Amino acid sequence: MRILVTNDDGIDAEGISALAKELEKEHEVIVAAPSEQRSASGHSITIQRPLLVKEVKIPGVKSKAYSVSGTPADCVRVALDKLTDGKVDMVVSGINYGVNLGTDVLYSGTVSAAIEAALYNLPSIAVSQHIGSEYYDFNVAAKYAAKIVKIAHKNDLEGKTVLNVNIPGVPEDEIKGIKTTKVGAKSYTNHYVPLRQEDGGVIYELRDELIDIHHEDNDTFYLNDGYVTISPLQYDLTNFNLINEVTKWF
C-alpha cells in the first residue's frame, strides 16, 4: 500500500518516527507533519497565511518526509494535493504522545488529521500512546499500528470511517489483546488562572484536571484494563433520531 503518515506532535516527534519506520517495512510511506507541536488543534485549517512545505530527513527513516507550517489537517490536504498526486491508499496519524479517548477526539489534531482523510474518502487510522507514570514504548505501539493497518486493509476499511486506536502504557507482554469498543465519556475541570496584567487586559493560563468516567464497555475502561482499544468513528454529525421531530417544529 501507499500510506500517508502524519501527526499533531510535529515532524520531529518520537512517535511519528517509530510509526514510519515500522510501516515502511511493508509499505510505501510518505510523511507530512506539522513543523512544530500542534496538539489539541482540532480540525482547524490555515486560511489567512501561506504554508511553508519543506522536505526534511527523519533520522532512521528511509521514506520521504515533509514539514508543513500548518495544522494536522493542513498536512493531509497539502500532501494529497501536492506531495502524493492524491495517490494514497490509507492515512495513518500518530503515534500521538498521550491517549485520545472519549471526548478528547473532538479536540485532537491526531484524530482530526484522520478525519480529514475520511473527507477525501480515504481509509484512515489515528494511533495514540498512553503516557504517564506507566511504562510505554512507541516501538510496541508501532507494531500494533502496523498489525491494525494490515487487518483493516484486508477487510476493506471504508473511506468514510476512522479507526481511533489507543495503546496502553504497559510492557508488551502485559497487553491483554485488542478490544473494539465505543467512545466513552471524559471530562475536565477547566480553570483559567490569571497570570498578569498586560496590554490593558489579563493573561490567563488554562490549568485543567481530568475527570475520568470509567463506565464499562468503552475505550477508557478497556485501555485502563490493559487492552489496545479501537473505536470506529464517523464524521456525519446529523442527529437522525431528531431530524423528523425538528422538522415538525418548523
Protein backbone atom coordinates (compact mmCIF):
# COMPACT_ATOMS: atom_id res chain seq x y z
CA MET A 1 0.00 0.00 0.00
CA ARG A 2 0.90 3.65 -0.30
CA ILE A 3 0.43 5.21 3.13
CA LEU A 4 0.47 8.88 4.14
CA VAL A 5 1.74 9.28 7.70
CA THR A 6 1.04 12.43 9.71
CA ASN A 7 0.60 13.57 13.33
CA ASP A 8 -0.02 16.59 15.54
CA ASP A 9 3.12 16.40 17.71
CA GLY A 10 5.34 17.66 14.90
CA ILE A 11 7.75 16.23 12.35
CA ASP A 12 10.47 15.69 15.00
CA ALA A 13 8.26 13.68 17.36
CA GLU A 14 9.41 10.24 18.50
CA GLY A 15 6.03 8.70 17.74
CA ILE A 16 5.92 9.56 14.04
CA SER A 17 9.47 8.26 13.59
CA ALA A 18 8.59 4.89 15.16
CA LEU A 19 5.41 4.66 13.08
CA ALA A 20 7.12 5.48 9.77
CA LYS A 21 9.96 3.03 10.45
CA GLU A 22 7.52 0.20 11.13
CA LEU A 23 5.15 0.88 8.23
CA GLU A 24 7.89 1.31 5.62
CA LYS A 25 8.95 -2.30 6.22
CA GLU A 26 5.98 -3.44 4.13
CA HIS A 27 4.53 -0.32 2.53
CA GLU A 28 5.46 2.78 0.56
CA VAL A 29 5.33 5.61 3.09
CA ILE A 30 5.22 9.38 2.67
CA VAL A 31 5.39 11.56 5.79
CA ALA A 32 3.84 15.03 6.04
CA ALA A 33 3.62 16.53 9.53
CA PRO A 34 3.46 19.93 11.22
CA SER A 35 6.77 21.77 11.56
CA GLU A 36 6.04 22.23 15.28
CA GLN A 37 3.84 20.90 18.07
CA ARG A 38 0.14 21.31 17.17
CA SER A 39 -1.62 19.21 19.82
CA ALA A 40 -5.29 19.95 20.52
CA SER A 41 -5.55 21.95 17.30
CA GLY A 42 -8.69 20.04 16.38
CA HIS A 43 -9.79 20.25 12.77
CA SER A 44 -8.55 23.76 12.10
CA ILE A 45 -7.04 24.69 8.75
CA THR A 46 -4.84 27.62 7.77
CA ILE A 47 -6.55 30.14 5.50
CA GLN A 48 -5.00 33.54 6.32
CA ARG A 49 -1.35 32.84 5.56
CA PRO A 50 0.63 30.71 3.10
CA LEU A 51 2.04 27.34 4.14
CA LEU A 52 5.75 26.56 4.03
CA VAL A 53 6.43 22.97 2.95
CA LYS A 54 9.98 21.65 3.25
CA GLU A 55 11.45 18.24 2.52
CA VAL A 56 13.24 17.03 5.64
CA LYS A 57 15.12 13.97 6.81
CA ILE A 58 13.86 11.95 9.78
CA PRO A 59 16.79 10.03 11.31
CA GLY A 60 16.43 6.30 10.69
CA VAL A 61 13.50 6.73 8.29
CA LYS A 62 14.06 5.92 4.62
CA SER A 63 10.80 7.40 3.34
CA LYS A 64 10.39 10.92 2.02
CA ALA A 65 9.25 13.34 4.71
CA TYR A 66 7.94 16.91 4.63
CA SER A 67 7.34 19.51 7.31
CA VAL A 68 4.33 21.79 6.90
CA SER A 69 3.92 25.11 8.71
CA GLY A 70 0.30 24.38 9.48
CA THR A 71 -2.12 22.11 11.28
CA PRO A 72 -2.51 18.33 11.02
CA ALA A 73 -5.49 18.79 8.71
CA ASP A 74 -3.38 21.15 6.56
CA CYS A 75 -0.75 18.41 6.28
CA VAL A 76 -3.24 15.91 4.89
CA ARG A 77 -4.72 18.43 2.47
CA VAL A 78 -1.42 19.68 1.04
CA ALA A 79 0.04 16.16 0.91
CA LEU A 80 -2.87 14.81 -1.10
CA ASP A 81 -2.85 17.80 -3.43
CA LYS A 82 0.88 18.40 -3.98
CA LEU A 83 3.06 15.67 -2.45
CA THR A 84 1.34 12.44 -3.48
CA ASP A 85 -0.77 13.33 -6.54
CA GLY A 86 -3.70 12.07 -4.48
CA LYS A 87 -2.49 8.50 -4.91
CA VAL A 88 -2.76 7.23 -1.36
CA ASP A 89 -4.39 4.02 -0.13
CA MET A 90 -4.58 4.91 3.57
CA VAL A 91 -3.72 7.71 6.00
CA VAL A 92 -2.26 6.85 9.41
CA SER A 93 -1.97 9.62 12.01
CA GLY A 94 0.27 9.31 15.07
CA ILE A 95 1.69 7.93 17.16
CA ASN A 96 0.35 10.58 19.48
CA TYR A 97 2.11 11.38 22.78
CA GLY A 98 -0.85 10.67 25.04
CA VAL A 99 -4.22 8.99 24.59
CA ASN A 100 -7.21 10.25 22.64
CA LEU A 101 -10.16 8.75 24.47
CA GLY A 102 -13.76 9.82 24.89
CA THR A 103 -14.46 13.45 24.06
CA ASP A 104 -10.72 14.07 23.52
CA VAL A 105 -11.38 13.08 19.89
CA LEU A 106 -13.16 16.41 19.40
CA TYR A 107 -10.01 18.38 20.23
CA SER A 108 -7.34 16.01 18.95
CA GLY A 109 -5.23 17.07 15.99
CA THR A 110 -4.23 13.42 15.60
CA VAL A 111 -7.82 12.28 15.14
CA SER A 112 -8.71 15.33 13.06
CA ALA A 113 -5.97 14.52 10.55
CA ALA A 114 -7.51 11.08 10.13
CA ILE A 115 -10.98 12.60 9.77
CA GLU A 116 -9.64 14.96 7.11
CA ALA A 117 -8.57 11.87 5.16
CA ALA A 118 -12.09 10.47 5.57
CA LEU A 119 -13.43 13.63 3.94
CA TYR A 120 -11.39 12.56 0.90
CA ASN A 121 -12.99 9.11 1.17
CA LEU A 122 -9.69 7.57 2.26
CA PRO A 123 -9.44 4.88 4.94
CA SER A 124 -7.67 6.31 7.97
CA ILE A 125 -6.38 5.31 11.36
CA ALA A 126 -5.41 7.51 14.33
CA VAL A 127 -2.96 5.95 16.81
CA SER A 128 -2.21 7.23 20.32
CA GLN A 129 0.05 6.00 23.11
CA HIS A 130 -0.84 6.23 26.80
CA ILE A 131 1.80 8.32 28.59
CA GLY A 132 2.20 8.86 32.31
CA SER A 133 3.95 7.21 35.19
CA GLU A 134 3.38 3.90 33.43
CA TYR A 135 5.77 2.20 31.05
CA TYR A 136 5.36 2.99 27.36
CA ASP A 137 7.18 2.09 24.14
CA PHE A 138 6.45 3.73 20.78
CA ASN A 139 8.00 0.75 19.00
CA VAL A 140 5.41 -1.57 20.54
CA ALA A 141 2.67 0.88 19.60
CA ALA A 142 4.02 0.97 16.04
CA LYS A 143 3.86 -2.83 15.82
CA TYR A 144 0.20 -2.77 16.84
CA ALA A 145 -0.47 0.05 14.40
CA ALA A 146 1.06 -1.96 11.54
CA LYS A 147 -0.99 -5.01 12.52
CA ILE A 148 -4.21 -2.99 12.59
CA VAL A 149 -3.35 -1.36 9.24
CA LYS A 150 -2.92 -4.79 7.66
CA ILE A 151 -6.18 -6.16 9.09
CA ALA A 152 -8.15 -3.01 8.18
CA HIS A 153 -6.87 -3.12 4.60
CA LYS A 154 -7.62 -6.83 4.29
CA ASN A 155 -11.20 -6.18 5.41
CA ASP A 156 -11.70 -3.15 3.12
CA LEU A 157 -12.00 -0.41 5.73
CA GLU A 158 -14.43 2.16 4.35
CA GLY A 159 -13.08 5.52 3.27
CA LYS A 160 -15.54 7.40 5.48
CA THR A 161 -14.57 5.53 8.64
CA VAL A 162 -11.76 6.41 11.03
CA LEU A 163 -10.34 3.81 13.41
CA ASN A 164 -9.28 5.53 16.62
CA VAL A 165 -6.61 3.35 18.24
CA ASN A 166 -5.17 3.75 21.75
CA ILE A 167 -2.25 1.74 23.14
CA PRO A 168 -1.99 1.10 26.91
CA GLY A 169 1.13 2.18 28.78
CA VAL A 170 2.26 -1.28 29.85
CA PRO A 171 5.03 -3.65 28.69
CA GLU A 172 4.24 -5.58 25.51
CA ASP A 173 3.79 -8.89 27.32
CA GLU A 174 1.18 -7.32 29.60
CA ILE A 175 -1.09 -6.11 26.79
CA LYS A 176 -4.16 -8.34 27.01
CA GLY A 177 -5.25 -8.01 23.38
CA ILE A 178 -7.37 -5.74 21.18
CA LYS A 179 -10.88 -4.56 22.03
CA THR A 180 -13.23 -2.84 19.62
CA THR A 181 -15.35 -0.52 21.72
CA LYS A 182 -17.45 2.61 21.76
CA VAL A 183 -16.10 6.05 22.64
CA GLY A 184 -16.52 6.75 26.32
CA ALA A 185 -17.13 9.88 28.36
CA LYS A 186 -14.29 12.06 29.54
CA SER A 187 -14.38 15.48 31.11
CA TYR A 188 -12.08 18.13 32.57
CA THR A 189 -12.33 20.79 35.23
CA ASN A 190 -11.35 23.88 33.26
CA HIS A 191 -9.75 26.57 35.41
CA TYR A 192 -8.27 29.69 33.83
CA VAL A 193 -5.72 31.13 36.23
CA PRO A 194 -4.81 34.85 35.92
CA LEU A 195 -1.05 35.30 35.49
CA ARG A 196 -0.51 39.03 34.97
CA GLN A 197 -1.83 42.27 33.53
CA GLU A 198 -0.67 43.01 30.01
CA ASP A 199 -1.61 45.49 27.27
CA GLY A 200 -4.78 46.60 29.02
CA GLY A 201 -6.01 43.06 29.69
CA VAL A 202 -5.36 39.95 31.74
CA ILE A 203 -3.24 36.96 30.70
CA TYR A 204 -4.92 33.67 31.68
CA GLU A 205 -3.46 30.15 31.64
CA LEU A 206 -5.56 27.01 31.39
CA ARG A 207 -4.96 24.55 34.22
CA ASP A 208 -7.37 21.67 33.93
CA GLU A 209 -7.74 18.38 35.76
CA LEU A 210 -9.01 15.19 34.18
CA ILE A 211 -12.26 13.68 35.40
CA ASP A 212 -12.18 10.09 34.18
CA ILE A 213 -15.57 8.44 33.86
CA HIS A 214 -14.94 4.69 33.88
CA HIS A 215 -18.15 3.17 32.60
CA GLU A 216 -17.75 -0.41 31.48
CA ASP A 217 -17.67 -1.26 27.79
CA ASN A 218 -15.96 1.89 26.49
CA ASP A 219 -12.49 2.92 25.32
CA THR A 220 -11.33 4.40 28.64
CA PHE A 221 -12.39 1.33 30.60
CA TYR A 222 -10.67 -1.20 28.36
CA LEU A 223 -7.48 0.85 27.94
CA ASN A 224 -7.12 1.05 31.71
CA ASP A 225 -7.68 -2.71 31.81
CA GLY A 226 -4.65 -3.26 29.57
CA TYR A 227 -6.21 -3.59 26.12
CA VAL A 228 -5.41 -1.86 22.84
CA THR A 229 -8.71 -0.15 22.00
CA ILE A 230 -10.21 0.52 18.59
CA SER A 231 -13.21 2.82 18.19
CA PRO A 232 -14.69 3.29 14.70
CA LEU A 233 -15.57 6.97 14.17
CA GLN A 234 -17.58 8.80 11.51
CA TYR A 235 -17.85 12.49 10.71
CA ASP A 236 -21.58 12.65 9.88
CA LEU A 237 -22.86 14.76 12.79
CA THR A 238 -26.55 14.63 11.86
CA ASN A 239 -28.81 13.54 14.71
CA PHE A 240 -31.08 11.24 12.73
CA ASN A 241 -33.16 10.46 15.83
CA LEU A 242 -34.30 14.09 15.99
CA ILE A 243 -34.40 15.18 12.36
CA ASN A 244 -38.10 14.37 11.90
CA GLU A 245 -39.03 15.94 15.24
CA VAL A 246 -37.19 19.20 14.48
CA THR A 247 -38.82 19.27 11.03
CA LYS A 248 -42.23 19.35 12.78
CA TRP A 249 -41.15 22.41 14.81
CA PHE A 250 -40.68 24.47 11.67
